[in-house]
């Protein structure tokens, strides 16, 4: 008789929240190259749960300011955008505020390094 393996059931129950909202004002050129773009653009990063809301946040960022989407993942809730620091501040704040005001999300403070 085969040995019975224990079964583990994991359940993911996300809250409605922005867990990270951050701007890297002066990224190292190696980091920019690794992300697939050249130049001295700042990088904006958001992490959102439920993860599908990253699509909504991406839409709000590009409508709010002249930023470019580098990466959006509906499975992990990650959003990475680039552009001038002032545009990223406007774009990330818009996405953060929209998710909070319209969809009832908990906002994250916009941080910067």
N, C-alpha and C. Protein backbone atom coordinates (compact mmCIF):
# COMPACT_ATOMS: atom_id res chain seq x y z
N UNK A 1 0.85 -1.18 0.00
CA UNK A 1 0.00 0.00 0.00
C UNK A 1 0.89 1.24 0.00
N UNK A 2 0.60 2.16 -0.85
CA UNK A 2 1.39 3.39 -0.97
C UNK A 2 1.18 4.29 0.24
N UNK A 3 2.25 4.97 0.59
CA UNK A 3 2.18 5.90 1.72
C UNK A 3 1.32 7.09 1.33
N UNK A 4 0.41 7.44 2.20
CA UNK A 4 -0.48 8.56 1.92
C UNK A 4 0.23 9.88 2.26
N UNK A 5 0.24 10.78 1.31
CA UNK A 5 0.87 12.08 1.51
C UNK A 5 -0.15 13.05 2.08
N UNK A 6 0.28 13.87 3.02
CA UNK A 6 -0.65 14.87 3.57
C UNK A 6 -0.97 15.93 2.51
N UNK A 7 -2.20 16.36 2.48
CA UNK A 7 -2.62 17.40 1.56
C UNK A 7 -2.66 18.73 2.28
N UNK A 8 -2.15 19.74 1.60
CA UNK A 8 -2.16 21.09 2.15
C UNK A 8 -3.03 21.95 1.24
N UNK A 9 -3.99 22.61 1.82
CA UNK A 9 -4.84 23.51 1.06
C UNK A 9 -4.54 24.93 1.52
N UNK A 10 -4.10 25.74 0.57
CA UNK A 10 -3.80 27.13 0.89
C UNK A 10 -4.87 28.00 0.27
N UNK A 11 -5.31 28.97 1.04
CA UNK A 11 -6.33 29.87 0.54
C UNK A 11 -5.81 31.28 0.64
N UNK A 12 -5.98 32.04 -0.43
CA UNK A 12 -5.53 33.42 -0.48
C UNK A 12 -6.75 34.32 -0.43
N UNK A 13 -6.89 35.08 0.63
CA UNK A 13 -8.02 35.97 0.78
C UNK A 13 -7.48 37.40 0.91
N UNK A 14 -7.37 38.06 -0.22
CA UNK A 14 -6.79 39.40 -0.18
C UNK A 14 -7.77 40.44 0.33
N UNK A 15 -7.20 41.47 0.93
CA UNK A 15 -7.98 42.64 1.24
C UNK A 15 -7.93 43.55 0.04
N UNK A 16 -8.68 44.61 0.07
CA UNK A 16 -8.63 45.58 -1.02
C UNK A 16 -7.66 46.67 -0.58
N UNK A 17 -6.41 46.55 -1.05
CA UNK A 17 -5.41 47.52 -0.60
C UNK A 17 -4.27 47.69 -1.58
N UNK A 18 -3.71 48.89 -1.54
CA UNK A 18 -2.45 49.17 -2.21
C UNK A 18 -1.40 48.92 -1.14
N UNK A 19 -0.53 47.95 -1.35
CA UNK A 19 0.45 47.61 -0.32
C UNK A 19 1.77 48.34 -0.50
N UNK A 20 2.03 48.83 -1.71
CA UNK A 20 3.27 49.56 -1.98
C UNK A 20 3.01 50.58 -3.06
N UNK A 21 3.49 51.79 -2.85
CA UNK A 21 3.39 52.86 -3.83
C UNK A 21 4.66 53.69 -3.68
N UNK A 22 5.62 53.48 -4.58
CA UNK A 22 6.96 54.02 -4.38
C UNK A 22 7.56 54.55 -5.68
N UNK A 23 8.35 55.60 -5.56
CA UNK A 23 9.08 56.18 -6.68
C UNK A 23 10.57 56.07 -6.41
N UNK A 24 11.29 55.53 -7.39
CA UNK A 24 12.75 55.55 -7.36
C UNK A 24 13.15 56.70 -8.27
N UNK A 25 13.54 57.81 -7.67
CA UNK A 25 13.75 59.04 -8.42
C UNK A 25 14.96 58.98 -9.36
N UNK A 26 16.03 58.39 -8.90
CA UNK A 26 17.26 58.31 -9.70
C UNK A 26 17.78 56.87 -9.71
N UNK A 27 17.15 56.01 -10.52
CA UNK A 27 17.57 54.61 -10.51
C UNK A 27 18.96 54.44 -11.13
N UNK A 28 19.65 53.45 -10.66
CA UNK A 28 20.94 53.06 -11.23
C UNK A 28 20.70 52.59 -12.66
N UNK A 29 21.58 52.94 -13.58
CA UNK A 29 21.39 52.59 -15.00
C UNK A 29 21.30 51.08 -15.20
N UNK A 30 21.98 50.29 -14.38
CA UNK A 30 21.90 48.83 -14.50
C UNK A 30 20.48 48.33 -14.21
N UNK A 31 19.83 48.96 -13.25
CA UNK A 31 18.45 48.58 -12.93
C UNK A 31 17.53 48.92 -14.10
N UNK A 32 17.67 50.10 -14.65
CA UNK A 32 16.85 50.50 -15.80
C UNK A 32 17.05 49.54 -16.97
N UNK A 33 18.28 49.19 -17.25
CA UNK A 33 18.58 48.27 -18.34
C UNK A 33 17.95 46.91 -18.09
N UNK A 34 18.00 46.45 -16.85
CA UNK A 34 17.42 45.15 -16.49
C UNK A 34 15.91 45.15 -16.68
N UNK A 35 15.29 46.30 -16.46
CA UNK A 35 13.84 46.43 -16.66
C UNK A 35 13.47 46.67 -18.12
N UNK A 36 14.49 46.91 -18.96
CA UNK A 36 14.23 47.01 -20.38
C UNK A 36 14.10 48.40 -20.95
N UNK A 37 14.60 49.41 -20.26
CA UNK A 37 14.58 50.74 -20.84
C UNK A 37 15.88 51.47 -20.55
N UNK A 38 16.19 52.42 -21.39
CA UNK A 38 17.42 53.21 -21.25
C UNK A 38 17.06 54.62 -20.80
N UNK A 39 18.05 55.34 -20.34
CA UNK A 39 17.83 56.73 -19.99
C UNK A 39 17.75 56.95 -18.50
N UNK A 40 17.41 58.17 -18.17
CA UNK A 40 17.40 58.58 -16.77
C UNK A 40 15.99 58.75 -16.21
N UNK A 41 15.06 57.96 -16.71
CA UNK A 41 13.68 58.04 -16.23
C UNK A 41 13.58 57.48 -14.81
N UNK A 42 12.71 58.11 -14.03
CA UNK A 42 12.41 57.59 -12.70
C UNK A 42 11.50 56.37 -12.85
N UNK A 43 11.42 55.57 -11.79
CA UNK A 43 10.61 54.35 -11.80
C UNK A 43 9.56 54.43 -10.70
N UNK A 44 8.32 54.11 -11.05
CA UNK A 44 7.24 54.04 -10.08
C UNK A 44 6.79 52.60 -9.94
N UNK A 45 6.56 52.18 -8.69
CA UNK A 45 6.18 50.80 -8.41
C UNK A 45 4.95 50.78 -7.52
N UNK A 46 3.98 49.95 -7.89
CA UNK A 46 2.81 49.73 -7.04
C UNK A 46 2.59 48.23 -6.92
N UNK A 47 2.12 47.80 -5.75
CA UNK A 47 1.67 46.43 -5.54
C UNK A 47 0.27 46.52 -4.96
N UNK A 48 -0.64 45.74 -5.55
CA UNK A 48 -2.06 45.89 -5.25
C UNK A 48 -2.69 44.52 -5.05
N UNK A 49 -3.60 44.44 -4.06
CA UNK A 49 -4.43 43.24 -3.90
C UNK A 49 -5.89 43.69 -3.83
N UNK A 50 -6.81 42.99 -4.47
CA UNK A 50 -6.58 41.84 -5.32
C UNK A 50 -5.78 42.21 -6.55
N UNK A 51 -5.03 41.26 -7.04
CA UNK A 51 -4.04 41.52 -8.07
C UNK A 51 -4.60 42.04 -9.39
N UNK A 52 -5.83 41.68 -9.71
CA UNK A 52 -6.43 42.15 -10.97
C UNK A 52 -6.59 43.66 -11.00
N UNK A 53 -6.63 44.29 -9.85
CA UNK A 53 -6.78 45.74 -9.78
C UNK A 53 -5.56 46.47 -10.33
N UNK A 54 -4.44 45.76 -10.53
CA UNK A 54 -3.27 46.38 -11.15
C UNK A 54 -3.60 46.87 -12.56
N UNK A 55 -4.53 46.21 -13.22
CA UNK A 55 -4.97 46.63 -14.56
C UNK A 55 -5.65 47.99 -14.47
N UNK A 56 -6.50 48.16 -13.49
CA UNK A 56 -7.20 49.43 -13.28
C UNK A 56 -6.20 50.52 -12.93
N UNK A 57 -5.25 50.21 -12.04
CA UNK A 57 -4.23 51.19 -11.65
C UNK A 57 -3.39 51.60 -12.85
N UNK A 58 -3.04 50.65 -13.70
CA UNK A 58 -2.26 50.96 -14.90
C UNK A 58 -3.02 51.92 -15.80
N UNK A 59 -4.29 51.66 -15.99
CA UNK A 59 -5.13 52.54 -16.80
C UNK A 59 -5.18 53.95 -16.23
N UNK A 60 -5.34 54.05 -14.92
CA UNK A 60 -5.41 55.38 -14.28
C UNK A 60 -4.09 56.12 -14.38
N UNK A 61 -2.97 55.42 -14.26
CA UNK A 61 -1.67 56.11 -14.32
C UNK A 61 -1.43 56.72 -15.70
N UNK A 62 -1.71 55.97 -16.75
CA UNK A 62 -1.42 56.50 -18.09
C UNK A 62 -2.42 57.56 -18.52
N UNK A 63 -3.59 57.57 -17.90
CA UNK A 63 -4.57 58.63 -18.18
C UNK A 63 -4.25 59.91 -17.41
N UNK A 64 -3.55 59.78 -16.29
CA UNK A 64 -3.30 60.91 -15.41
C UNK A 64 -2.07 61.73 -15.78
N UNK A 65 -1.07 61.10 -16.39
CA UNK A 65 0.20 61.79 -16.63
C UNK A 65 0.97 61.07 -17.73
N UNK A 66 1.95 61.77 -18.31
CA UNK A 66 2.76 61.15 -19.38
C UNK A 66 3.79 60.18 -18.82
N UNK A 67 3.33 58.97 -18.51
CA UNK A 67 4.20 57.91 -18.02
C UNK A 67 4.08 56.71 -18.95
N UNK A 68 5.06 55.83 -18.90
CA UNK A 68 5.06 54.61 -19.71
C UNK A 68 4.95 53.40 -18.80
N UNK A 69 4.14 52.44 -19.21
CA UNK A 69 4.03 51.19 -18.45
C UNK A 69 5.17 50.27 -18.87
N UNK A 70 5.96 49.84 -17.89
CA UNK A 70 7.02 48.87 -18.13
C UNK A 70 6.49 47.46 -17.92
N UNK A 71 5.64 47.31 -16.89
CA UNK A 71 5.18 45.98 -16.51
C UNK A 71 3.88 46.10 -15.72
N UNK A 72 2.91 45.27 -16.05
CA UNK A 72 1.70 45.14 -15.25
C UNK A 72 1.35 43.65 -15.22
N UNK A 73 1.08 43.14 -14.03
CA UNK A 73 0.82 41.71 -13.87
C UNK A 73 -0.47 41.50 -13.08
N UNK A 74 -1.46 40.96 -13.74
CA UNK A 74 -2.75 40.74 -13.09
C UNK A 74 -2.72 39.56 -12.13
N UNK A 75 -1.64 38.78 -12.14
CA UNK A 75 -1.54 37.63 -11.25
C UNK A 75 -0.84 37.96 -9.93
N UNK A 76 0.09 38.93 -9.95
CA UNK A 76 0.79 39.31 -8.72
C UNK A 76 0.38 40.68 -8.21
N UNK A 77 -0.30 41.47 -9.03
CA UNK A 77 -0.71 42.81 -8.62
C UNK A 77 0.40 43.83 -8.73
N UNK A 78 1.41 43.54 -9.53
CA UNK A 78 2.56 44.45 -9.67
C UNK A 78 2.36 45.39 -10.85
N UNK A 79 2.75 46.64 -10.64
CA UNK A 79 2.72 47.65 -11.68
C UNK A 79 4.02 48.43 -11.62
N UNK A 80 4.71 48.56 -12.77
CA UNK A 80 5.94 49.35 -12.86
C UNK A 80 5.76 50.33 -14.01
N UNK A 81 5.95 51.61 -13.72
CA UNK A 81 5.84 52.66 -14.72
C UNK A 81 7.10 53.54 -14.67
N UNK A 82 7.37 54.23 -15.77
CA UNK A 82 8.52 55.13 -15.81
C UNK A 82 8.09 56.49 -16.34
N UNK A 83 8.94 57.47 -16.05
CA UNK A 83 8.69 58.82 -16.53
C UNK A 83 9.38 59.81 -15.63
N UNK A 84 9.14 61.09 -15.86
CA UNK A 84 9.68 62.12 -14.97
C UNK A 84 9.08 61.98 -13.56
N UNK A 85 9.84 62.38 -12.56
CA UNK A 85 9.38 62.24 -11.17
C UNK A 85 8.04 62.93 -10.96
N UNK A 86 7.88 64.14 -11.47
CA UNK A 86 6.62 64.87 -11.27
C UNK A 86 5.45 64.13 -11.91
N UNK A 87 5.65 63.54 -13.08
CA UNK A 87 4.58 62.78 -13.73
C UNK A 87 4.26 61.52 -12.95
N UNK A 88 5.29 60.85 -12.41
CA UNK A 88 5.05 59.65 -11.61
C UNK A 88 4.28 59.98 -10.34
N UNK A 89 4.63 61.08 -9.70
CA UNK A 89 3.89 61.49 -8.49
C UNK A 89 2.42 61.68 -8.82
N UNK A 90 2.14 62.38 -9.91
CA UNK A 90 0.76 62.62 -10.31
C UNK A 90 0.06 61.31 -10.67
N UNK A 91 0.71 60.46 -11.43
CA UNK A 91 0.11 59.21 -11.89
C UNK A 91 -0.15 58.23 -10.75
N UNK A 92 0.83 58.03 -9.89
CA UNK A 92 0.67 57.08 -8.78
C UNK A 92 -0.36 57.58 -7.77
N UNK A 93 -0.35 58.89 -7.50
CA UNK A 93 -1.37 59.45 -6.61
C UNK A 93 -2.76 59.27 -7.18
N UNK A 94 -2.91 59.48 -8.49
CA UNK A 94 -4.22 59.30 -9.12
C UNK A 94 -4.69 57.86 -9.00
N UNK A 95 -3.82 56.90 -9.28
CA UNK A 95 -4.21 55.49 -9.17
C UNK A 95 -4.56 55.14 -7.73
N UNK A 96 -3.74 55.57 -6.80
CA UNK A 96 -3.96 55.31 -5.37
C UNK A 96 -5.30 55.90 -4.92
N UNK A 97 -5.54 57.17 -5.28
CA UNK A 97 -6.77 57.86 -4.88
C UNK A 97 -8.01 57.26 -5.55
N UNK A 98 -7.90 56.89 -6.82
CA UNK A 98 -9.02 56.29 -7.52
C UNK A 98 -9.42 54.96 -6.88
N UNK A 99 -8.42 54.11 -6.64
CA UNK A 99 -8.72 52.83 -6.02
C UNK A 99 -9.39 53.00 -4.66
N UNK A 100 -8.95 54.01 -3.90
CA UNK A 100 -9.53 54.26 -2.57
C UNK A 100 -10.94 54.84 -2.68
N UNK A 101 -11.09 55.90 -3.48
CA UNK A 101 -12.37 56.62 -3.54
C UNK A 101 -13.47 55.84 -4.25
N UNK A 102 -13.14 55.20 -5.35
CA UNK A 102 -14.17 54.55 -6.16
C UNK A 102 -14.37 53.08 -5.79
N UNK A 103 -13.27 52.39 -5.46
CA UNK A 103 -13.37 50.95 -5.21
C UNK A 103 -13.21 50.56 -3.74
N UNK A 104 -13.01 51.53 -2.87
CA UNK A 104 -12.94 51.25 -1.43
C UNK A 104 -11.65 50.60 -0.96
N UNK A 105 -10.56 50.82 -1.67
CA UNK A 105 -9.28 50.25 -1.27
C UNK A 105 -8.65 51.06 -0.14
N UNK A 106 -7.79 50.40 0.61
CA UNK A 106 -6.93 51.07 1.60
C UNK A 106 -5.71 51.58 0.84
N UNK A 107 -5.40 52.88 0.95
CA UNK A 107 -4.28 53.45 0.25
C UNK A 107 -2.97 53.18 0.97
N UNK A 108 -1.89 53.24 0.20
CA UNK A 108 -0.54 53.19 0.76
C UNK A 108 0.05 54.58 0.60
N UNK A 109 0.90 55.00 1.53
CA UNK A 109 1.55 56.30 1.34
C UNK A 109 2.50 56.25 0.16
N UNK A 110 2.57 57.33 -0.59
CA UNK A 110 3.53 57.42 -1.68
C UNK A 110 4.89 57.72 -1.08
N UNK A 111 5.82 56.81 -1.27
CA UNK A 111 7.18 56.97 -0.74
C UNK A 111 8.14 57.20 -1.90
N UNK A 112 9.34 57.64 -1.55
CA UNK A 112 10.30 58.01 -2.59
C UNK A 112 11.73 57.76 -2.11
N UNK A 113 12.55 57.25 -3.02
CA UNK A 113 13.97 57.08 -2.70
C UNK A 113 14.80 57.55 -3.86
